Every structure is written in structure tokens, then in C-alpha cells.
């Protein structure tokens, strides 16, 4: 099993052939650059999957502002 903390509030774990992504939905990292959403978690671009450098993931988890 490979475990990696990447970006803000993003944990990536590989178990066998499965990628498990964990995000704490109770956290917040402020407004997005546009101010249209509240950032919960981000990889801040594309990153390699732990132990599988040839596979990439890009993740943004956000709450739209109303």
C-alpha cells in the first residue's frame, strides 16, 4: 500500500489496483481565485498516483458560493 498526502486536504492511497481518495469535508481553505466557490480540497493541478508515476490525478472539491 502506498499512501501520499498531496495538496490541501487530499490523501491518496493505493490498495491493490484501487486508488482511494480521502477528503475531510468539514475543512475549508478559503475562497477560490474567482471568489465563486469555497475550496474544501485540491491537488493544485495534476499529480502522480503514489507508486504509479505513469498515472495522474487532478482533484478539486469545492462548495459554490451563493
PDB file of N, CA and C in Angstrom:
ATOM      1  N   UNK A   1       0.852  -1.182   0.000  1.00  0.00           N
ATOM      2  CA  UNK A   1       0.000   0.000   0.000  1.00  0.00           C
ATOM      3  C   UNK A   1       0.893   1.238   0.000  1.00  0.00           C
ATOM      4  N   UNK A   2       0.606   2.165  -0.887  1.00  0.00           N
ATOM      5  CA  UNK A   2       1.298   3.446  -0.943  1.00  0.00           C
ATOM      6  C   UNK A   2       0.337   4.521  -0.463  1.00  0.00           C
ATOM      7  N   UNK A   3       0.803   5.397   0.450  1.00  0.00           N
ATOM      8  CA  UNK A   3      -0.015   6.490   0.967  1.00  0.00           C
ATOM      9  C   UNK A   3       0.712   7.788   0.698  1.00  0.00           C
ATOM     10  N   UNK A   4      -0.035   8.799   0.278  1.00  0.00           N
ATOM     11  CA  UNK A   4       0.577  10.078  -0.034  1.00  0.00           C
ATOM     12  C   UNK A   4      -0.399  11.198   0.290  1.00  0.00           C
ATOM     13  N   UNK A   5       0.083  12.244   0.974  1.00  0.00           N
ATOM     14  CA  UNK A   5      -0.705  13.446   1.204  1.00  0.00           C
ATOM     15  C   UNK A   5      -0.269  14.451   0.152  1.00  0.00           C
ATOM     16  N   UNK A   6      -1.182  14.857  -0.691  1.00  0.00           N
ATOM     17  CA  UNK A   6      -0.861  15.769  -1.781  1.00  0.00           C
ATOM     18  C   UNK A   6      -1.825  16.934  -1.797  1.00  0.00           C
ATOM     19  N   UNK A   7      -1.299  18.138  -1.917  1.00  0.00           N
ATOM     20  CA  UNK A   7      -2.152  19.306  -1.993  1.00  0.00           C
ATOM     21  C   UNK A   7      -2.736  19.645  -0.638  1.00  0.00           C
ATOM     22  N   UNK A   8      -3.899  20.222  -0.664  1.00  0.00           N
ATOM     23  CA  UNK A   8      -4.585  20.627   0.560  1.00  0.00           C
ATOM     24  C   UNK A   8      -5.727  19.667   0.846  1.00  0.00           C
ATOM     25  N   UNK A   9      -5.647  18.977   1.991  1.00  0.00           N
ATOM     26  CA  UNK A   9      -6.730  18.132   2.469  1.00  0.00           C
ATOM     27  C   UNK A   9      -7.030  16.958   1.533  1.00  0.00           C
ATOM     28  N   UNK A  10      -6.009  16.433   0.875  1.00  0.00           N
ATOM     29  CA  UNK A  10      -6.177  15.299  -0.039  1.00  0.00           C
ATOM     30  C   UNK A  10      -5.189  14.206   0.356  1.00  0.00           C
ATOM     31  N   UNK A  11      -5.698  13.028   0.677  1.00  0.00           N
ATOM     32  CA  UNK A  11      -4.853  11.856   0.916  1.00  0.00           C
ATOM     33  C   UNK A  11      -5.162  10.832  -0.167  1.00  0.00           C
ATOM     34  N   UNK A  12      -4.113  10.344  -0.824  1.00  0.00           N
ATOM     35  CA  UNK A  12      -4.239   9.327  -1.856  1.00  0.00           C
ATOM     36  C   UNK A  12      -3.624   8.039  -1.335  1.00  0.00           C
ATOM     37  N   UNK A  13      -4.326   6.936  -1.521  1.00  0.00           N
ATOM     38  CA  UNK A  13      -3.842   5.633  -1.066  1.00  0.00           C
ATOM     39  C   UNK A  13      -4.134   4.610  -2.149  1.00  0.00           C
ATOM     40  N   UNK A  14      -3.161   3.765  -2.434  1.00  0.00           N
ATOM     41  CA  UNK A  14      -3.345   2.681  -3.397  1.00  0.00           C
ATOM     42  C   UNK A  14      -3.397   1.374  -2.629  1.00  0.00           C
ATOM     43  N   UNK A  15      -4.476   0.632  -2.830  1.00  0.00           N
ATOM     44  CA  UNK A  15      -4.632  -0.713  -2.265  1.00  0.00           C
ATOM     45  C   UNK A  15      -4.890  -1.650  -3.420  1.00  0.00           C
ATOM     46  N   UNK A  16      -3.917  -2.467  -3.731  1.00  0.00           N
ATOM     47  CA  UNK A  16      -4.054  -3.344  -4.893  1.00  0.00           C
ATOM     48  C   UNK A  16      -4.155  -2.501  -6.145  1.00  0.00           C
ATOM     49  N   UNK A  17      -5.249  -2.659  -6.874  1.00  0.00           N
ATOM     50  CA  UNK A  17      -5.476  -1.888  -8.090  1.00  0.00           C
ATOM     51  C   UNK A  17      -6.469  -0.755  -7.890  1.00  0.00           C
ATOM     52  N   UNK A  18      -6.728  -0.366  -6.647  1.00  0.00           N
ATOM     53  CA  UNK A  18      -7.702   0.690  -6.352  1.00  0.00           C
ATOM     54  C   UNK A  18      -7.011   1.928  -5.786  1.00  0.00           C
ATOM     55  N   UNK A  19      -7.421   3.079  -6.300  1.00  0.00           N
ATOM     56  CA  UNK A  19      -6.987   4.366  -5.755  1.00  0.00           C
ATOM     57  C   UNK A  19      -8.071   4.844  -4.806  1.00  0.00           C
ATOM     58  N   UNK A  20      -7.687   5.115  -3.568  1.00  0.00           N
ATOM     59  CA  UNK A  20      -8.633   5.587  -2.560  1.00  0.00           C
ATOM     60  C   UNK A  20      -8.266   7.026  -2.226  1.00  0.00           C
ATOM     61  N   UNK A  21      -9.221   7.924  -2.422  1.00  0.00           N
ATOM     62  CA  UNK A  21      -9.021   9.344  -2.169  1.00  0.00           C
ATOM     63  C   UNK A  21      -9.825   9.714  -0.934  1.00  0.00           C
ATOM     64  N   UNK A  22      -9.156  10.350   0.044  1.00  0.00           N
ATOM     65  CA  UNK A  22      -9.827  10.765   1.268  1.00  0.00           C
ATOM     66  C   UNK A  22      -9.745  12.275   1.395  1.00  0.00           C
ATOM     67  N   UNK A  23     -10.909  12.896   1.638  1.00  0.00           N
ATOM     68  CA  UNK A  23     -11.026  14.345   1.813  1.00  0.00           C
ATOM     69  C   UNK A  23     -11.886  14.587   3.043  1.00  0.00           C
ATOM     70  N   UNK A  24     -11.434  15.461   3.944  1.00  0.00           N
ATOM     71  CA  UNK A  24     -12.218  15.841   5.110  1.00  0.00           C
ATOM     72  C   UNK A  24     -13.164  16.968   4.692  1.00  0.00           C
ATOM     73  N   UNK A  25     -14.453  16.655   4.562  1.00  0.00           N
ATOM     74  CA  UNK A  25     -15.432  17.630   4.070  1.00  0.00           C
ATOM     75  C   UNK A  25     -15.749  18.736   5.070  1.00  0.00           C
ATOM     76  N   UNK A  26     -15.269  18.606   6.294  1.00  0.00           N
ATOM     77  CA  UNK A  26     -15.525  19.645   7.298  1.00  0.00           C
ATOM     78  C   UNK A  26     -14.530  20.804   7.188  1.00  0.00           C
ATOM     79  N   UNK A  27     -13.473  20.647   6.404  1.00  0.00           N
ATOM     80  CA  UNK A  27     -12.442  21.687   6.290  1.00  0.00           C
ATOM     81  C   UNK A  27     -12.759  22.668   5.171  1.00  0.00           C
ATOM     82  N   UNK A  28     -12.141  23.836   5.269  1.00  0.00           N
ATOM     83  CA  UNK A  28     -12.286  24.870   4.247  1.00  0.00           C
ATOM     84  C   UNK A  28     -10.982  25.641   4.158  1.00  0.00           C
ATOM     85  N   UNK A  29     -10.586  25.998   2.942  1.00  0.00           N
ATOM     86  CA  UNK A  29      -9.321  26.704   2.716  1.00  0.00           C
ATOM     87  C   UNK A  29      -9.528  28.058   2.063  1.00  0.00           C
ATOM     88  N   UNK A  30     -10.689  28.651   2.282  1.00  0.00           N
ATOM     89  CA  UNK A  30     -10.945  29.986   1.762  1.00  0.00           C
ATOM     90  C   UNK A  30     -11.563  29.968   0.380  1.00  0.00           C
ATOM     91  N   UNK A  31     -11.686  31.150  -0.180  1.00  0.00           N
ATOM     92  CA  UNK A  31     -12.336  31.326  -1.476  1.00  0.00           C
ATOM     93  C   UNK A  31     -11.395  30.970  -2.625  1.00  0.00           C
ATOM     94  N   UNK A  32     -11.987  30.559  -3.728  1.00  0.00           N
ATOM     95  CA  UNK A  32     -11.228  30.312  -4.946  1.00  0.00           C
ATOM     96  C   UNK A  32     -10.731  31.644  -5.500  1.00  0.00           C
ATOM     97  N   UNK A  33      -9.874  31.592  -6.490  1.00  0.00           N
ATOM     98  CA  UNK A  33      -9.329  32.810  -7.101  1.00  0.00           C
ATOM     99  C   UNK A  33     -10.434  33.686  -7.684  1.00  0.00           C
ATOM    100  N   UNK A  34     -11.486  33.066  -8.205  1.00  0.00           N
ATOM    101  CA  UNK A  34     -12.587  33.826  -8.798  1.00  0.00           C
ATOM    102  C   UNK A  34     -13.561  34.347  -7.745  1.00  0.00           C
ATOM    103  N   UNK A  35     -13.492  33.766  -6.539  1.00  0.00           N
ATOM    104  CA  UNK A  35     -14.411  34.155  -5.481  1.00  0.00           C
ATOM    105  C   UNK A  35     -15.785  33.524  -5.600  1.00  0.00           C
ATOM    106  N   UNK A  36     -15.943  32.587  -6.526  1.00  0.00           N
ATOM    107  CA  UNK A  36     -17.246  31.965  -6.762  1.00  0.00           C
ATOM    108  C   UNK A  36     -17.473  30.705  -5.940  1.00  0.00           C
ATOM    109  N   UNK A  37     -16.421  30.199  -5.291  1.00  0.00           N
ATOM    110  CA  UNK A  37     -16.577  28.966  -4.520  1.00  0.00           C
ATOM    111  C   UNK A  37     -15.627  28.947  -3.323  1.00  0.00           C
ATOM    112  N   UNK A  38     -15.961  28.069  -2.370  1.00  0.00           N
ATOM    113  CA  UNK A  38     -15.164  27.855  -1.169  1.00  0.00           C
ATOM    114  C   UNK A  38     -14.379  26.563  -1.383  1.00  0.00           C
ATOM    115  N   UNK A  39     -13.058  26.604  -1.265  1.00  0.00           N
ATOM    116  CA  UNK A  39     -12.218  25.440  -1.510  1.00  0.00           C
ATOM    117  C   UNK A  39     -12.242  24.508  -0.290  1.00  0.00           C
ATOM    118  N   UNK A  40     -12.543  23.234  -0.537  1.00  0.00           N
ATOM    119  CA  UNK A  40     -12.523  22.210   0.507  1.00  0.00           C
ATOM    120  C   UNK A  40     -11.241  21.379   0.391  1.00  0.00           C
ATOM    121  N   UNK A  41     -10.847  21.033  -0.829  1.00  0.00           N
ATOM    122  CA  UNK A  41      -9.631  20.248  -1.054  1.00  0.00           C
ATOM    123  C   UNK A  41      -9.178  20.432  -2.495  1.00  0.00           C
ATOM    124  N   UNK A  42      -7.858  20.336  -2.711  1.00  0.00           N
ATOM    125  CA  UNK A  42      -7.335  20.428  -4.066  1.00  0.00           C
ATOM    126  C   UNK A  42      -5.956  19.792  -4.161  1.00  0.00           C
ATOM    127  N   UNK A  43      -5.663  19.220  -5.316  1.00  0.00           N
ATOM    128  CA  UNK A  43      -4.308  18.749  -5.587  1.00  0.00           C
ATOM    129  C   UNK A  43      -3.488  19.860  -6.234  1.00  0.00           C
ATOM    130  N   UNK A  44      -4.111  20.988  -6.532  1.00  0.00           N
ATOM    131  CA  UNK A  44      -3.434  22.132  -7.162  1.00  0.00           C
ATOM    132  C   UNK A  44      -2.788  21.728  -8.486  1.00  0.00           C
ATOM    133  N   UNK A  45      -3.536  21.028  -9.308  1.00  0.00           N
ATOM    134  CA  UNK A  45      -3.035  20.559 -10.597  1.00  0.00           C
ATOM    135  C   UNK A  45      -2.984  19.049 -10.631  1.00  0.00           C
ATOM    136  N   UNK A  46      -2.347  18.520 -11.652  1.00  0.00           N
ATOM    137  CA  UNK A  46      -2.253  17.067 -11.811  1.00  0.00           C
ATOM    138  C   UNK A  46      -1.033  16.540 -11.065  1.00  0.00           C
ATOM    139  N   UNK A  47      -1.214  15.422 -10.357  1.00  0.00           N
ATOM    140  CA  UNK A  47      -0.123  14.797  -9.602  1.00  0.00           C
ATOM    141  C   UNK A  47      -0.102  13.308  -9.902  1.00  0.00           C
ATOM    142  N   UNK A  48       1.039  12.681  -9.646  1.00  0.00           N
ATOM    143  CA  UNK A  48       1.180  11.241  -9.863  1.00  0.00           C
ATOM    144  C   UNK A  48       0.503  10.467  -8.742  1.00  0.00           C
ATOM    145  N   UNK A  49      -0.095   9.345  -9.097  1.00  0.00           N
ATOM    146  CA  UNK A  49      -0.678   8.432  -8.122  1.00  0.00           C
ATOM    147  C   UNK A  49       0.477   7.748  -7.392  1.00  0.00           C
ATOM    148  N   UNK A  50       0.415   7.632  -6.064  1.00  0.00           N
ATOM    149  CA  UNK A  50       1.511   7.019  -5.302  1.00  0.00           C
ATOM    150  C   UNK A  50       1.864   5.622  -5.824  1.00  0.00           C
ATOM    151  N   UNK A  51       3.136   5.414  -6.134  1.00  0.00           N
ATOM    152  CA  UNK A  51       3.598   4.119  -6.618  1.00  0.00           C
ATOM    153  C   UNK A  51       3.264   3.838  -8.064  1.00  0.00           C
ATOM    154  N   UNK A  52       2.589   4.768  -8.736  1.00  0.00           N
ATOM    155  CA  UNK A  52       2.186   4.594 -10.138  1.00  0.00           C
ATOM    156  C   UNK A  52       2.439   5.908 -10.886  1.00  0.00           C
ATOM    157  N   UNK A  53       3.689   6.280 -11.038  1.00  0.00           N
ATOM    158  CA  UNK A  53       4.074   7.575 -11.606  1.00  0.00           C
ATOM    159  C   UNK A  53       3.474   7.828 -12.992  1.00  0.00           C
ATOM    160  N   UNK A  54       3.129   6.768 -13.702  1.00  0.00           N
ATOM    161  CA  UNK A  54       2.567   6.934 -15.054  1.00  0.00           C
ATOM    162  C   UNK A  54       1.093   7.312 -15.042  1.00  0.00           C
ATOM    163  N   UNK A  55       0.443   7.256 -13.871  1.00  0.00           N
ATOM    164  CA  UNK A  55      -0.980   7.591 -13.743  1.00  0.00           C
ATOM    165  C   UNK A  55      -1.104   8.901 -12.977  1.00  0.00           C
ATOM    166  N   UNK A  56      -1.884   9.828 -13.511  1.00  0.00           N
ATOM    167  CA  UNK A  56      -2.046  11.153 -12.902  1.00  0.00           C
ATOM    168  C   UNK A  56      -3.486  11.368 -12.438  1.00  0.00           C
ATOM    169  N   UNK A  57      -3.627  12.253 -11.440  1.00  0.00           N
ATOM    170  CA  UNK A  57      -4.954  12.636 -10.953  1.00  0.00           C
ATOM    171  C   UNK A  57      -4.935  14.131 -10.657  1.00  0.00           C
ATOM    172  N   UNK A  58      -6.025  14.796 -10.982  1.00  0.00           N
ATOM    173  CA  UNK A  58      -6.230  16.200 -10.633  1.00  0.00           C
ATOM    174  C   UNK A  58      -7.584  16.302  -9.938  1.00  0.00           C
ATOM    175  N   UNK A  59      -7.607  16.926  -8.749  1.00  0.00           N
ATOM    176  CA  UNK A  59      -8.836  16.932  -7.953  1.00  0.00           C
ATOM    177  C   UNK A  59      -9.096  18.306  -7.382  1.00  0.00           C
ATOM    178  N   UNK A  60     -10.332  18.770  -7.506  1.00  0.00           N
ATOM    179  CA  UNK A  60     -10.823  19.968  -6.837  1.00  0.00           C
ATOM    180  C   UNK A  60     -12.151  19.628  -6.190  1.00  0.00           C
ATOM    181  N   UNK A  61     -12.258  19.880  -4.891  1.00  0.00           N
ATOM    182  CA  UNK A  61     -13.515  19.699  -4.170  1.00  0.00           C
ATOM    183  C   UNK A  61     -13.885  21.078  -3.635  1.00  0.00           C
ATOM    184  N   UNK A  62     -15.094  21.530  -3.953  1.00  0.00           N
ATOM    185  CA  UNK A  62     -15.463  22.897  -3.569  1.00  0.00           C
ATOM    186  C   UNK A  62     -16.950  23.011  -3.300  1.00  0.00           C
ATOM    187  N   UNK A  63     -17.301  24.114  -2.635  1.00  0.00           N
ATOM    188  CA  UNK A  63     -18.690  24.424  -2.341  1.00  0.00           C
ATOM    189  C   UNK A  63     -19.006  25.752  -3.049  1.00  0.00           C
ATOM    190  N   UNK A  64     -19.953  25.768  -3.985  1.00  0.00           N
ATOM    191  CA  UNK A  64     -20.294  27.038  -4.656  1.00  0.00           C
ATOM    192  C   UNK A  64     -20.818  28.058  -3.663  1.00  0.00           C
ATOM    193  N   UNK A  65     -20.436  29.308  -3.846  1.00  0.00           N
ATOM    194  CA  UNK A  65     -20.947  30.404  -3.012  1.00  0.00           C
ATOM    195  C   UNK A  65     -22.262  30.876  -3.622  1.00  0.00           C
ATOM    196  N   UNK A  66     -23.173  31.249  -2.778  1.00  0.00           N
ATOM    197  CA  UNK A  66     -24.480  31.708  -3.286  1.00  0.00           C
ATOM    198  C   UNK A  66     -24.689  33.146  -3.005  1.00  0.00           C
TER     199      UNK A  66
END
